[in-house]
Protein backbone atom coordinates (compact mmCIF):
# COMPACT_ATOMS: atom_id res chain seq x y z
CA MET A 1 -2.47 15.59 -0.71
CA LYS A 2 -2.80 13.15 2.17
CA LEU A 3 0.23 11.16 3.30
CA VAL A 4 0.81 9.11 6.41
CA VAL A 5 3.99 8.96 8.46
CA GLN A 6 4.95 6.11 10.76
CA VAL A 7 6.98 6.73 13.92
CA LYS A 8 8.24 4.18 16.43
CA LEU A 9 7.45 4.67 20.11
CA LEU A 10 10.40 4.21 22.51
CA SER A 11 8.31 2.96 25.41
CA THR A 12 9.55 1.70 28.75
CA PRO A 13 8.23 -1.70 29.95
CA GLU A 14 5.68 0.08 32.17
CA GLN A 15 4.52 2.31 29.32
CA ALA A 16 4.29 -0.70 26.97
CA LEU A 17 2.03 -2.50 29.48
CA ALA A 18 -0.25 0.55 29.67
CA LEU A 19 -0.45 0.77 25.86
CA GLU A 20 -1.16 -2.96 25.61
CA ALA A 21 -3.95 -2.78 28.19
CA THR A 22 -5.47 0.19 26.33
CA LEU A 23 -5.38 -1.48 22.92
CA HIS A 24 -6.88 -4.70 24.30
CA ALA A 25 -9.62 -2.79 26.14
CA CYS A 26 -10.58 -0.78 23.05
CA ASN A 27 -10.73 -3.83 20.81
CA GLU A 28 -12.59 -5.86 23.41
CA ALA A 29 -15.15 -3.05 23.53
CA ALA A 30 -15.24 -2.98 19.73
CA ASN A 31 -15.98 -6.72 19.60
CA TRP A 32 -18.75 -6.33 22.18
CA LEU A 33 -20.26 -3.45 20.22
CA SER A 34 -19.93 -5.37 16.95
CA ALA A 35 -21.94 -8.23 18.42
CA GLN A 36 -24.62 -5.77 19.53
CA ALA A 37 -24.68 -4.12 16.11
CA TYR A 38 -24.94 -7.49 14.35
CA GLY A 39 -27.69 -8.78 16.63
CA ARG A 40 -29.81 -5.63 16.46
CA GLN A 41 -28.97 -4.74 12.85
CA VAL A 42 -27.84 -1.26 13.87
CA THR A 43 -24.63 -0.24 12.09
CA SER A 44 -24.79 3.55 11.61
CA ARG A 45 -22.65 5.83 13.75
CA SER A 46 -25.65 7.66 15.18
CA GLY A 47 -27.50 4.44 15.87
CA LEU A 48 -24.54 2.86 17.63
CA GLN A 49 -23.95 5.98 19.69
CA ALA A 50 -27.54 6.00 20.90
CA LEU A 51 -27.32 2.26 21.58
CA ALA A 52 -24.03 1.87 23.42
CA TYR A 53 -22.19 5.13 24.21
CA GLY A 54 -23.07 5.00 27.90
CA GLU A 55 -22.13 1.33 28.20
CA LEU A 56 -18.75 1.90 26.56
CA LYS A 57 -17.98 4.59 29.12
CA ARG A 58 -19.01 2.22 31.91
CA GLN A 59 -16.52 -0.29 30.50
CA GLY A 60 -13.69 2.14 31.30
CA LEU A 61 -13.35 4.17 28.10
CA SER A 62 -13.23 7.96 28.18
CA ALA A 63 -15.53 10.02 25.97
CA GLN A 64 -13.30 10.39 22.90
CA PRO A 65 -11.96 6.80 22.85
CA ALA A 66 -15.55 5.57 23.19
CA LEU A 67 -16.56 7.64 20.16
CA HIS A 68 -13.61 6.28 18.20
CA VAL A 69 -14.65 2.70 19.02
CA LEU A 70 -18.17 3.52 17.82
CA ARG A 71 -16.83 4.93 14.56
CA LYS A 72 -14.42 2.05 14.05
CA VAL A 73 -17.24 -0.48 14.31
CA ALA A 74 -19.56 1.56 12.08
CA ASP A 75 -16.81 1.98 9.45
CA ALA A 76 -16.08 -1.76 9.52
CA TYR A 77 -19.72 -2.57 8.71
CA THR A 78 -19.79 0.13 6.03
CA ALA A 79 -16.72 -1.43 4.41
CA LEU A 80 -18.28 -4.90 4.65
CA GLU A 81 -21.46 -3.69 2.98
CA ALA A 82 -19.46 -2.02 0.19
CA ASN A 83 -17.47 -5.22 -0.44
CA LEU A 84 -20.64 -7.29 -0.53
CA LYS A 85 -22.25 -4.86 -2.95
CA ALA A 86 -19.17 -4.89 -5.20
CA GLY A 87 -19.09 -8.70 -5.23
CA ASN A 88 -15.66 -8.88 -3.60
CA LEU A 89 -16.85 -11.52 -1.14
CA GLY A 90 -18.52 -13.84 -3.61
CA ARG A 91 -22.09 -14.25 -4.70
CA PRO A 92 -24.97 -14.47 -2.19
CA GLY A 93 -25.19 -18.06 -1.00
CA SER A 94 -21.53 -18.87 -1.64
CA LYS A 95 -19.34 -20.14 1.20
CA ARG A 96 -17.28 -16.96 1.21
CA HIS A 97 -20.36 -14.74 1.30
CA ILE A 98 -21.96 -16.78 4.08
CA LYS A 99 -18.72 -16.70 6.10
CA ALA A 100 -18.53 -12.91 5.81
CA THR A 101 -22.16 -12.25 6.72
CA GLY A 102 -22.84 -15.12 9.13
CA LYS A 103 -21.15 -13.59 12.16
CA PRO A 104 -20.26 -10.17 13.62
CA VAL A 105 -17.20 -8.34 12.38
CA ALA A 106 -14.30 -9.27 14.67
CA PHE A 107 -11.34 -7.13 15.73
CA ARG A 108 -7.95 -8.53 16.69
CA GLU A 109 -6.80 -7.64 20.19
CA ASP A 110 -3.89 -5.70 18.65
CA ALA A 111 -5.94 -3.98 15.92
CA ALA A 112 -5.07 -0.30 15.45
CA GLN A 113 -6.93 2.25 17.56
CA PRO A 114 -7.48 5.81 16.26
CA TYR A 115 -6.65 8.86 18.38
CA ASP A 116 -7.47 12.53 17.85
CA ASP A 117 -5.87 15.66 19.30
CA ARG A 118 -8.05 15.48 22.42
CA CYS A 119 -6.46 12.22 23.57
CA LEU A 120 -3.07 12.43 21.83
CA SER A 121 -0.81 15.49 21.72
CA TRP A 122 2.47 15.73 19.81
CA GLN A 123 5.59 17.56 20.95
CA THR A 124 7.48 17.24 17.66
CA ALA A 125 10.42 19.43 18.71
CA GLU A 126 11.07 17.22 21.76
CA ARG A 127 10.04 14.05 19.84
CA THR A 128 7.60 13.02 22.54
CA VAL A 129 3.85 12.45 22.76
CA SER A 130 1.26 12.55 25.51
CA ILE A 131 -1.32 9.79 25.03
CA TRP A 132 -4.47 8.61 26.81
CA THR A 133 -4.51 5.09 28.25
CA THR A 134 -6.93 3.19 30.44
CA THR A 135 -4.44 3.53 33.32
CA GLY A 136 -4.00 7.29 32.93
CA ARG A 137 -2.31 9.67 30.54
CA LEU A 138 1.26 8.82 29.53
CA LYS A 139 3.41 11.92 29.17
CA ASN A 140 6.85 12.35 27.59
CA LEU A 141 6.59 9.11 25.64
CA ALA A 142 9.52 9.31 23.21
CA PHE A 143 9.30 8.45 19.52
CA THR A 144 11.74 8.20 16.62
CA GLY A 145 11.70 7.86 12.84
CA GLN A 146 13.48 8.83 9.65
CA ASP A 147 14.56 12.47 9.54
CA ASP A 148 12.67 13.31 6.33
CA GLN A 149 9.47 11.76 7.69
CA LEU A 150 9.83 13.60 11.00
CA ALA A 151 10.18 16.86 9.08
CA VAL A 152 6.94 16.12 7.21
CA LEU A 153 5.28 15.23 10.52
CA ALA A 154 6.36 18.49 12.17
CA ALA A 155 5.25 20.66 9.25
CA TYR A 156 2.05 19.04 8.00
CA ARG A 157 0.49 16.73 10.61
CA LYS A 158 -3.28 17.10 10.63
CA GLY A 159 -6.12 14.87 11.76
CA GLU A 160 -6.16 11.51 13.49
CA SER A 161 -3.31 9.15 14.34
CA ASP A 162 -3.48 5.38 14.82
CA LEU A 163 -1.81 3.42 17.62
CA LEU A 164 -0.75 -0.11 16.72
CA ARG A 165 1.62 -2.87 17.78
CA ARG A 166 3.55 -4.88 15.23
CA GLY A 167 6.28 -7.41 15.90
CA GLY A 168 6.37 -6.50 19.59
CA GLN A 169 7.03 -2.81 18.79
CA TRP A 170 4.69 0.15 19.22
CA TYR A 171 3.99 2.63 16.42
CA LEU A 172 1.92 5.72 15.72
CA ILE A 173 0.64 6.32 12.18
CA ALA A 174 -0.01 10.04 11.68
CA THR A 175 -1.94 11.69 8.83
CA CYS A 176 -0.25 14.64 7.13
CA ASP A 177 -1.78 17.11 4.68
CA VAL A 178 1.13 17.93 2.36
CA PRO A 179 0.71 20.68 -0.27
CA GLU A 180 1.14 19.55 -3.86
CA ALA A 181 3.79 21.00 -6.14
CA MET A 182 2.73 23.09 -9.11
CA PRO A 183 1.93 20.59 -11.90
CA ASN A 184 4.08 20.58 -15.01
CA ILE A 185 1.48 21.20 -17.72
CA HIS A 186 4.05 21.33 -20.53
CA PRO A 187 6.13 18.13 -20.20
CA ALA A 188 9.04 17.67 -22.59
CA GLY A 189 7.87 14.12 -23.28
CA PHE A 190 7.08 11.03 -21.27
CA LEU A 191 9.21 8.50 -19.46
CA GLY A 192 7.82 5.08 -20.30
CA VAL A 193 8.02 2.47 -17.52
CA ASP A 194 7.74 -1.22 -18.39
CA LEU A 195 7.05 -3.55 -15.44
CA GLY A 196 8.27 -7.08 -15.95
CA ILE A 197 9.34 -10.40 -14.50
CA VAL A 198 13.13 -10.43 -14.96
CA ASN A 199 13.54 -6.67 -14.61
CA ILE A 200 10.95 -5.24 -12.22
CA ALA A 201 11.00 -1.85 -13.99
CA SER A 202 12.67 -0.65 -17.19
CA THR A 203 12.52 2.97 -18.36
CA SER A 204 12.61 4.38 -21.88
CA THR A 205 15.96 6.03 -21.09
CA GLY A 206 17.58 2.60 -20.84
CA LYS A 207 17.67 2.15 -17.08
CA ARG A 208 16.68 -1.27 -15.75
CA HIS A 209 15.87 -1.72 -12.07
CA CYS A 210 16.73 -4.97 -10.29
CA GLY A 211 17.81 -8.02 -12.21
CA ARG A 212 19.69 -11.21 -11.50
CA ARG A 213 20.70 -10.56 -7.91
CA LEU A 214 17.19 -9.77 -6.71
CA ASN A 215 15.65 -12.61 -8.70
CA ARG A 216 18.08 -15.10 -7.14
CA ARG A 217 17.04 -13.82 -3.71
CA ARG A 218 13.37 -14.09 -4.61
CA GLU A 219 13.89 -17.67 -5.84
CA ALA A 220 15.68 -18.60 -2.61
CA ASP A 221 12.82 -17.09 -0.58
CA ARG A 222 10.27 -19.10 -2.56
CA LYS A 223 12.16 -22.36 -2.03
CA LEU A 224 12.49 -21.76 1.71
CA ARG A 225 8.81 -20.81 1.98
CA SER A 226 7.81 -23.99 0.16
CA LYS A 227 10.07 -26.07 2.40
CA LEU A 228 8.58 -24.59 5.57
CA GLN A 229 5.03 -25.09 4.31
CA LYS A 230 5.71 -28.76 3.61
CA LYS A 231 7.25 -29.25 7.04
CA ASN A 232 4.09 -27.84 8.68
CA THR A 233 5.37 -27.87 12.28
CA LYS A 234 4.77 -25.12 14.82
CA SER A 235 8.36 -23.93 14.60
CA ALA A 236 8.20 -23.99 10.79
CA LYS A 237 4.99 -21.93 10.79
CA ARG A 238 6.55 -19.46 13.23
CA ARG A 239 9.64 -19.13 11.07
CA ALA A 240 7.50 -18.76 7.93
CA ARG A 241 5.60 -15.85 9.51
CA ARG A 242 8.86 -14.10 10.39
CA ARG A 243 10.20 -14.70 6.88
CA ALA A 244 6.98 -13.38 5.32
CA GLY A 245 7.31 -10.12 7.22
CA LYS A 246 10.95 -9.80 6.24
CA GLU A 247 10.15 -10.44 2.55
CA ALA A 248 7.34 -7.85 2.61
CA ARG A 249 9.61 -5.23 4.17
CA ARG A 250 12.36 -5.93 1.64
CA ALA A 251 9.94 -5.70 -1.28
CA ARG A 252 8.50 -2.46 0.09
CA ASP A 253 11.95 -0.95 0.48
CA ILE A 254 12.91 -1.93 -3.08
CA ASN A 255 9.65 -0.52 -4.47
CA HIS A 256 10.29 2.76 -2.67
CA LYS A 257 13.82 2.98 -4.10
CA ILE A 258 12.69 2.15 -7.64
CA SER A 259 9.80 4.64 -7.55
CA LYS A 260 12.03 7.35 -6.11
CA SER A 261 14.59 6.81 -8.89
CA ILE A 262 11.93 6.90 -11.64
CA VAL A 263 10.29 10.07 -10.33
CA ALA A 264 13.67 11.79 -9.86
CA GLU A 265 14.61 10.95 -13.45
CA ALA A 266 11.32 12.31 -14.79
CA GLN A 267 11.69 15.47 -12.71
CA ARG A 268 15.27 16.02 -13.87
CA THR A 269 14.36 15.67 -17.54
CA MET A 270 11.07 17.66 -17.24
CA ARG A 271 9.05 14.67 -18.47
CA GLY A 272 5.83 13.02 -17.41
CA ILE A 273 5.56 9.33 -16.48
CA ALA A 274 3.63 6.75 -18.48
CA LEU A 275 2.63 3.45 -16.83
CA GLU A 276 0.77 0.46 -18.17
CA ASP A 277 -2.76 -0.01 -16.88
CA LEU A 278 -2.20 -3.42 -15.29
CA GLY A 279 -5.66 -3.83 -13.77
CA GLY A 280 -6.56 -7.52 -13.86
CA ILE A 281 -3.11 -8.52 -15.15
CA ARG A 282 -3.01 -11.60 -12.90
CA GLU A 283 -6.19 -12.91 -14.51
CA ARG A 284 -5.26 -11.94 -18.09
CA ALA A 285 -1.66 -13.15 -18.13
CA ARG A 286 -0.97 -16.43 -19.93
CA LEU A 287 2.35 -17.60 -18.54
CA ARG A 288 4.18 -20.82 -17.76
CA LYS A 289 4.08 -21.96 -14.15
CA PRO A 290 7.54 -20.62 -13.13
CA GLN A 291 6.65 -17.23 -14.61
CA ARG A 292 3.27 -17.21 -12.85
CA VAL A 293 5.01 -17.76 -9.53
CA THR A 294 7.35 -14.83 -10.22
CA LEU A 295 4.50 -12.57 -11.35
CA HIS A 296 2.39 -13.25 -8.26
CA SER A 297 5.31 -12.90 -5.84
CA TRP A 298 5.93 -9.19 -6.47
CA SER A 299 3.64 -6.28 -5.61
CA PHE A 300 3.51 -4.36 -8.89
CA HIS A 301 0.39 -2.55 -7.65
CA GLN A 302 2.36 -1.25 -4.68
CA LEU A 303 5.16 -0.06 -6.97
CA GLY A 304 2.65 1.70 -9.21
CA SER A 305 1.00 3.42 -6.24
CA PHE A 306 4.40 4.58 -4.95
CA ILE A 307 5.27 6.05 -8.35
CA ALA A 308 1.83 7.70 -8.49
CA TYR A 309 1.95 9.52 -5.15
CA LYS A 310 5.60 10.54 -5.55
CA ALA A 311 4.82 11.91 -9.01
CA LYS A 312 1.82 13.83 -7.71
CA ARG A 313 3.85 15.27 -4.86
CA ALA A 314 6.53 16.43 -7.34
CA GLY A 315 3.99 17.89 -9.81
CA ILE A 316 4.87 15.35 -12.52
CA PRO A 317 2.12 14.37 -14.99
CA LEU A 318 1.16 10.71 -14.81
CA VAL A 319 -0.81 8.79 -17.43
CA TYR A 320 -1.85 5.16 -17.81
CA VAL A 321 -1.82 3.48 -21.20
CA SER A 322 -3.14 0.24 -22.62
CA PRO A 323 -0.67 -2.64 -22.17
CA ALA A 324 -1.88 -4.45 -25.32
CA ASN A 325 1.05 -5.54 -27.51
CA THR A 326 3.62 -3.24 -25.91
CA SER A 327 6.09 -6.15 -25.96
CA ARG A 328 5.23 -7.19 -29.53
CA GLU A 329 5.13 -3.79 -31.24
CA CYS A 330 8.24 -2.35 -32.87
CA SER A 331 9.03 1.08 -31.42
CA ARG A 332 10.53 2.15 -34.77
CA CYS A 333 8.06 1.02 -37.46
CA HIS A 334 5.18 -0.03 -35.09
CA HIS A 335 4.81 -3.43 -36.76
CA VAL A 336 3.05 -5.86 -34.40
CA ASP A 337 3.89 -9.56 -34.52
CA LYS A 338 4.30 -12.11 -31.74
CA ARG A 339 7.37 -13.40 -33.60
CA ASN A 340 9.03 -10.03 -33.00
CA ARG A 341 10.05 -11.36 -29.58
CA PRO A 342 12.00 -14.59 -30.12
CA SER A 343 13.09 -14.72 -26.46
CA GLN A 344 12.38 -13.03 -23.16
CA ALA A 345 15.20 -10.49 -23.48
CA VAL A 346 15.41 -9.95 -27.24
CA PHE A 347 13.19 -7.92 -29.55
CA SER A 348 13.79 -8.34 -33.28
CA CYS A 349 11.31 -6.71 -35.68
CA ARG A 350 10.24 -9.01 -38.53
CA SER A 351 9.45 -6.00 -40.71
CA CYS A 352 12.29 -3.45 -40.39
CA GLY A 353 14.93 -5.58 -38.68
CA PHE A 354 15.22 -3.30 -35.62
CA VAL A 355 16.86 -5.15 -32.69
CA GLU A 356 16.79 -4.02 -29.05
CA HIS A 357 16.36 -5.32 -25.53
CA ALA A 358 12.71 -6.36 -25.26
CA ASP A 359 11.99 -4.40 -22.07
CA LEU A 360 13.56 -1.23 -23.48
CA ASN A 361 11.53 -1.55 -26.69
CA ALA A 362 8.34 -1.96 -24.63
CA SER A 363 9.16 1.10 -22.54
CA HIS A 364 9.58 3.18 -25.73
CA ASN A 365 6.10 2.07 -26.84
CA ILE A 366 4.67 2.99 -23.44
CA ALA A 367 6.33 6.43 -23.63
CA ASP A 368 4.85 7.05 -27.11
CA ARG A 369 1.39 5.99 -25.96
CA GLY A 370 1.74 8.18 -22.87
CA TRP A 371 2.35 11.23 -25.05
CA MET A 372 -0.68 10.37 -27.20
CA VAL A 373 -2.87 10.03 -24.12
CA TRP A 374 -1.60 13.38 -22.81
CA VAL A 375 -2.26 15.12 -26.10
CA ARG A 376 -5.83 13.82 -26.04
CA GLY A 377 -6.21 15.32 -22.58
CA ALA A 378 -6.80 12.06 -20.69
CA GLU A 379 -4.53 12.82 -17.74
CA SER A 380 -4.63 10.17 -15.01
CA GLN A 381 -5.10 11.00 -11.36
CA ALA A 382 -2.69 9.67 -8.76
CA PRO A 383 -4.09 8.16 -5.52
CA ALA A 384 -4.91 10.65 -2.77
CA LEU A 385 -3.55 8.59 0.13
CA THR A 386 -0.46 6.39 0.21
CA LEU A 387 2.04 5.39 2.86
CA VAL A 388 5.36 7.21 3.11
CA ALA A 389 7.19 4.68 5.26
């Protein structure tokens, strides 16, 4: 399976200037080529190479970086065409559609630039890289990262790596081809995972992840974000951007910890994992305004993808089940009634009198449905590529 590992470059000021000049030159060339592609309606890799390869080299790019710029532009137009075809950018004639198709694809000056082994070499034992720049090749450029990620990098790195700058720091994103564990084809049952508003994740074994403390922090973040948006000054916008990055990193870290705990529990108990199929949940959900804000402020899709790739890496079966009535169905007698849930936290069956925490009851239903899906042979497939860091 494909994973990516992020490492931080420990560049000197001189090295940072060389990397910055290289990234700006590559993206300036990409913008020039994008304008040519848009004007001449040539977007294939072969067509762009015939059109502009020589000119890109005259602009100061070596052979391999020039080819990567060509591919980056061609891939951007391929992605645009796919989004237009799928209707992700609105209907033809709409403002969004016209905005997307009315000008060339643009690249930020700090947009990531791909490198292959001809212009980037790794010395993983010494934790250094040698990388091409427009001012010459930088050698012995040190990097660092988490120990477990560096071990994956040393053992399984394969393919291209991306150079990018974020928050004033330089990073390399490396692709690793990690072998999958032998799948457990005879699970002892399924661990149901209920994703919710008060508790982000609740398992059928009774474990609830993140509650009051995190929700108070999320509420404080929302109030501060709203305050900064209303202020609308340059300093407020600058602070809001910094806060947004901090919130995203915190949420990502929490999602990694929750997914790691869930997968470890399933592996320890020899079970599979059952998740709700929450596709389109934001459009289907009928919630009060405060609940809508909470629902939209957490990346449940990211959490699900983290669980999926960790489960696949550990050889744990993963299935998706229908979310219909999981919170209204009794896990004992399977009676369905919206009155079974008199409050957010309480489930009380109107038929058999069974009482339990609502999230735990829902997770039991998800676990039961997961086993039924597995028995029918409808095993779900985890994503092939997800970030490690």
